[in-house]
C-alpha atoms as a PDB file:
ATOM      1  CA  MET A   1      72.227 -94.241 -63.561  1.00  0.00           C
ATOM      2  CA  ASP A   2      74.653 -91.680 -65.029  1.00  0.00           C
ATOM      3  CA  ILE A   3      71.879 -89.081 -65.210  1.00  0.00           C
ATOM      4  CA  TRP A   4      70.849 -89.928 -61.637  1.00  0.00           C
ATOM      5  CA  LEU A   5      74.393 -89.696 -60.248  1.00  0.00           C
ATOM      6  CA  HIS A   6      75.433 -86.528 -62.078  1.00  0.00           C
ATOM      7  CA  GLY A   7      72.098 -84.873 -61.294  1.00  0.00           C
ATOM      8  CA  ASN A   8      72.496 -85.561 -57.588  1.00  0.00           C
ATOM      9  CA  LEU A   9      76.119 -84.437 -57.537  1.00  0.00           C
ATOM     10  CA  GLN A  10      75.229 -81.146 -59.237  1.00  0.00           C
ATOM     11  CA  ALA A  11      71.999 -80.378 -57.379  1.00  0.00           C
ATOM     12  CA  HIS A  12      73.291 -81.448 -53.988  1.00  0.00           C
ATOM     13  CA  ALA A  13      76.846 -80.121 -53.775  1.00  0.00           C
ATOM     14  CA  PHE A  14      76.172 -79.572 -50.052  1.00  0.00           C
ATOM     15  CA  ILE A  15      76.145 -83.374 -49.546  1.00  0.00           C
ATOM     16  CA  PRO A  16      79.416 -85.325 -49.901  1.00  0.00           C
ATOM     17  CA  ALA A  17      79.748 -87.060 -53.294  1.00  0.00           C
ATOM     18  CA  SER A  18      80.572 -90.284 -51.462  1.00  0.00           C
ATOM     19  CA  TYR A  19      76.988 -90.381 -50.159  1.00  0.00           C
ATOM     20  CA  TRP A  20      75.550 -90.487 -53.700  1.00  0.00           C
ATOM     21  CA  ARG A  21      78.134 -92.945 -54.984  1.00  0.00           C
ATOM     22  CA  GLY A  22      77.407 -95.184 -51.985  1.00  0.00           C
ATOM     23  CA  ALA A  23      73.659 -95.051 -52.633  1.00  0.00           C
ATOM     24  CA  ALA A  24      73.931 -96.028 -56.312  1.00  0.00           C
ATOM     25  CA  ASP A  25      73.621 -99.791 -55.770  1.00  0.00           C
ATOM     26  CA  SER A  26      70.450 -99.500 -53.687  1.00  0.00           C
ATOM     27  CA  VAL A  27      68.922 -97.107 -56.244  1.00  0.00           C
ATOM     28  CA  ARG A  28      69.804 -99.526 -59.075  1.00  0.00           C
ATOM     29  CA  GLU A  29      68.034-102.313 -57.144  1.00  0.00           C
ATOM     30  CA  ALA A  30      64.953-100.129 -56.512  1.00  0.00           C
ATOM     31  CA  LEU A  31      64.470 -99.141 -60.156  1.00  0.00           C
ATOM     32  CA  PRO A  32      62.677-102.337 -61.237  1.00  0.00           C
ATOM     33  CA  CYS A  33      60.192-101.872 -58.370  1.00  0.00           C
ATOM     34  CA  SER A  34      59.375 -98.315 -59.428  1.00  0.00           C
ATOM     35  CA  GLU A  35      57.217 -96.778 -62.136  1.00  0.00           C
ATOM     36  CA  ILE A  36      59.709 -95.070 -64.459  1.00  0.00           C
ATOM     37  CA  TRP A  37      58.772 -92.652 -67.251  1.00  0.00           C
ATOM     38  CA  VAL A  38      61.501 -91.638 -69.673  1.00  0.00           C
ATOM     39  CA  ASP A  39      61.749 -88.697 -72.058  1.00  0.00           C
ATOM     40  CA  LEU A  40      63.546 -89.858 -75.198  1.00  0.00           C
ATOM     41  CA  GLU A  41      64.864 -87.988 -78.205  1.00  0.00           C
ATOM     42  CA  GLY A  42      65.676 -90.753 -80.658  1.00  0.00           C
ATOM     43  CA  ASP A  43      67.856 -93.115 -78.616  1.00  0.00           C
ATOM     44  CA  THR A  44      68.938 -90.381 -76.201  1.00  0.00           C
ATOM     45  CA  VAL A  45      67.474 -90.344 -72.699  1.00  0.00           C
ATOM     46  CA  ARG A  46      66.772 -86.676 -71.986  1.00  0.00           C
ATOM     47  CA  GLY A  47      65.365 -87.296 -68.520  1.00  0.00           C
ATOM     48  CA  PHE A  48      63.273 -89.567 -66.339  1.00  0.00           C
ATOM     49  CA  ILE A  49      60.901 -89.532 -63.399  1.00  0.00           C
ATOM     50  CA  GLY A  50      60.546 -92.397 -60.935  1.00  0.00           C
ATOM     51  CA  LEU A  51      57.455 -92.994 -58.835  1.00  0.00           C
ATOM     52  CA  GLN A  52      56.532 -95.375 -56.066  1.00  0.00           C
ATOM     53  CA  GLU A  53      52.743 -95.217 -56.152  1.00  0.00           C
ATOM     54  CA  ASP A  54      51.987 -91.479 -55.597  1.00  0.00           C
ATOM     55  CA  TYR A  55      55.473 -90.612 -54.333  1.00  0.00           C
ATOM     56  CA  ILE A  56      57.971 -89.036 -56.725  1.00  0.00           C
ATOM     57  CA  ALA A  57      61.214 -90.780 -55.809  1.00  0.00           C
ATOM     58  CA  GLY A  58      63.209 -88.711 -58.289  1.00  0.00           C
ATOM     59  CA  LEU A  59      63.104 -86.454 -61.316  1.00  0.00           C
ATOM     60  CA  PHE A  60      66.314 -86.086 -63.304  1.00  0.00           C
ATOM     61  CA  VAL A  61      67.208 -84.365 -66.557  1.00  0.00           C
ATOM     62  CA  ALA A  62      70.453 -84.829 -68.492  1.00  0.00           C
ATOM     63  CA  PRO A  63      72.606 -81.666 -68.361  1.00  0.00           C
ATOM     64  CA  ALA A  64      72.267 -80.904 -72.090  1.00  0.00           C
ATOM     65  CA  PHE A  65      68.470 -80.790 -71.784  1.00  0.00           C
ATOM     66  CA  ARG A  66      68.005 -78.800 -68.575  1.00  0.00           C
ATOM     67  CA  GLY A  67      65.942 -75.653 -68.877  1.00  0.00           C
ATOM     68  CA  LYS A  68      64.237 -76.944 -72.040  1.00  0.00           C
ATOM     69  CA  GLY A  69      60.968 -78.185 -70.546  1.00  0.00           C
ATOM     70  CA  VAL A  70      61.938 -81.843 -70.143  1.00  0.00           C
ATOM     71  CA  GLY A  71      61.467 -81.950 -66.360  1.00  0.00           C
ATOM     72  CA  GLY A  72      58.261 -79.959 -66.514  1.00  0.00           C
ATOM     73  CA  GLY A  73      56.911 -82.218 -69.243  1.00  0.00           C
ATOM     74  CA  LEU A  74      57.621 -85.339 -67.213  1.00  0.00           C
ATOM     75  CA  LEU A  75      56.035 -83.835 -64.112  1.00  0.00           C
ATOM     76  CA  VAL A  76      52.897 -82.659 -65.918  1.00  0.00           C
ATOM     77  CA  PHE A  77      52.570 -86.105 -67.523  1.00  0.00           C
ATOM     78  CA  CYS A  78      52.518 -87.680 -64.052  1.00  0.00           C
ATOM     79  CA  GLN A  79      50.118 -85.045 -62.719  1.00  0.00           C
ATOM     80  CA  LYS A  80      47.661 -86.081 -65.446  1.00  0.00           C
ATOM     81  CA  LYS A  81      47.921 -89.728 -64.340  1.00  0.00           C
ATOM     82  CA  HIS A  82      47.633 -89.158 -60.581  1.00  0.00           C
ATOM     83  CA  ARG A  83      45.144 -87.369 -58.344  1.00  0.00           C
ATOM     84  CA  ALA A  84      47.827 -86.462 -55.775  1.00  0.00           C
ATOM     85  CA  LEU A  85      51.615 -86.624 -55.564  1.00  0.00           C
ATOM     86  CA  THR A  86      54.182 -86.172 -52.824  1.00  0.00           C
ATOM     87  CA  LEU A  87      57.948 -85.788 -52.884  1.00  0.00           C
ATOM     88  CA  GLU A  88      60.886 -84.757 -50.768  1.00  0.00           C
ATOM     89  CA  VAL A  89      63.413 -82.107 -51.707  1.00  0.00           C
ATOM     90  CA  TYR A  90      66.315 -80.618 -49.792  1.00  0.00           C
ATOM     91  CA  GLU A  91      65.831 -77.072 -48.538  1.00  0.00           C
ATOM     92  CA  LYS A  92      69.210 -76.069 -50.004  1.00  0.00           C
ATOM     93  CA  ASN A  93      68.099 -77.220 -53.483  1.00  0.00           C
ATOM     94  CA  GLY A  94      66.256 -73.948 -54.024  1.00  0.00           C
ATOM     95  CA  ARG A  95      66.002 -74.397 -57.781  1.00  0.00           C
ATOM     96  CA  ALA A  96      64.076 -77.649 -57.317  1.00  0.00           C
ATOM     97  CA  VAL A  97      61.866 -76.174 -54.572  1.00  0.00           C
ATOM     98  CA  ARG A  98      60.877 -73.298 -56.889  1.00  0.00           C
ATOM     99  CA  PHE A  99      60.319 -75.721 -59.787  1.00  0.00           C
ATOM    100  CA  TYR A 100      57.888 -77.828 -57.762  1.00  0.00           C
ATOM    101  CA  GLN A 101      56.104 -74.754 -56.392  1.00  0.00           C
ATOM    102  CA  LYS A 102      55.656 -73.518 -59.960  1.00  0.00           C
ATOM    103  CA  HIS A 103      53.945 -76.835 -60.694  1.00  0.00           C
ATOM    104  CA  GLY A 104      51.493 -76.503 -57.797  1.00  0.00           C
ATOM    105  CA  PHE A 105      53.307 -78.326 -55.001  1.00  0.00           C
ATOM    106  CA  HIS A 106      53.068 -76.950 -51.468  1.00  0.00           C
ATOM    107  CA  LEU A 107      55.323 -77.448 -48.464  1.00  0.00           C
ATOM    108  CA  VAL A 108      53.589 -79.650 -45.893  1.00  0.00           C
ATOM    109  CA  GLU A 109      56.456 -80.702 -43.636  1.00  0.00           C
ATOM    110  CA  GLN A 110      60.039 -79.819 -42.844  1.00  0.00           C
ATOM    111  CA  HIS A 111      62.374 -82.326 -41.196  1.00  0.00           C
ATOM    112  CA  ILE A 112      66.006 -83.329 -40.873  1.00  0.00           C
ATOM    113  CA  ASP A 113      66.943 -86.164 -43.236  1.00  0.00           C
ATOM    114  CA  ASP A 114      68.535 -88.863 -41.058  1.00  0.00           C
ATOM    115  CA  ALA A 115      70.907 -90.047 -43.789  1.00  0.00           C
ATOM    116  CA  THR A 116      72.418 -86.644 -44.611  1.00  0.00           C
ATOM    117  CA  GLY A 117      71.632 -84.375 -41.659  1.00  0.00           C
ATOM    118  CA  GLU A 118      70.185 -81.853 -44.122  1.00  0.00           C
ATOM    119  CA  THR A 119      66.825 -80.116 -43.868  1.00  0.00           C
ATOM    120  CA  ALA A 120      64.312 -81.650 -46.261  1.00  0.00           C
ATOM    121  CA  TYR A 121      60.844 -80.547 -47.312  1.00  0.00           C
ATOM    122  CA  ARG A 122      57.937 -82.876 -47.948  1.00  0.00           C
ATOM    123  CA  MET A 123      55.828 -81.311 -50.679  1.00  0.00           C
ATOM    124  CA  PHE A 124      52.317 -82.209 -51.810  1.00  0.00           C
ATOM    125  CA  TRP A 125      50.253 -81.628 -54.946  1.00  0.00           C
ATOM    126  CA  GLN A 126      46.605 -82.493 -55.456  1.00  0.00           C
ATOM    127  CA  LYS A 127      44.523 -82.313 -58.589  1.00  0.00           C
ATOM    128  CA  ASP A 128      41.548 -79.992 -58.349  1.00  0.00           C
ATOM    129  CA  SER A 129      38.827 -82.356 -57.165  1.00  0.00           C
ATOM    130  CA  ARG A 130      36.022 -80.320 -58.681  1.00  0.00           C
ATOM    131  CA  ILE A 131      37.024 -79.730 -62.288  1.00  0.00           C
ATOM    132  CA  GLU A 132      39.285 -81.729 -64.576  1.00  0.00           C
ATOM    133  CA  ALA A 133      40.150 -80.919 -68.203  1.00  0.00           C
ATOM    134  CA  VAL A 134      40.954 -83.818 -70.517  1.00  0.00           C
ATOM    135  CA  ASP A 135      41.704 -83.137 -74.194  1.00  0.00           C
ATOM    136  CA  ASN A 136      39.943 -79.745 -74.040  1.00  0.00           C
ATOM    137  CA  ILE A 137      36.775 -81.278 -72.571  1.00  0.00           C
ATOM    138  CA  ILE A 138      35.876 -80.211 -69.047  1.00  0.00           C
ATOM    139  CA  PHE A 139      34.252 -82.685 -66.682  1.00  0.00           C
ATOM    140  CA  ARG A 140      32.742 -81.842 -63.331  1.00  0.00           C
ATOM    141  CA  LEU A 141      33.747 -84.450 -60.767  1.00  0.00           C
ATOM    142  CA  ASP A 142      31.637 -85.330 -57.764  1.00  0.00           C
ATOM    143  CA  LYS A 143      33.321 -85.741 -54.407  1.00  0.00           C
END
């Protein structure tokens, strides 16, 4: 929860901190209902990604490990397990928007988030439905 809270406070300085602190209890309750993948270094949590089916509910990296491939590694891991993924990201979080675009996500919708009044993007990624590489072996998939 510390990584989640500090990540949101840093990435979303345009949203009052009270919003994130107020949302912490509902996020804590949602965690057991989500698929959570954690990047560990020994006993240290470097980052985590939370999914609800094919929706990425959040991707967070501890400050000491940002820019070191942790977030990208978690995202690629999930892309290997899913055929398609969606997520929402705030327009003003340009670093995250660029990160997801780099990993093949495309903007499919722009809307105003009711809870914050901020513009949010819905982004979508889909695995190439024709060719898939697994452990250096290429398979042709039929539609």
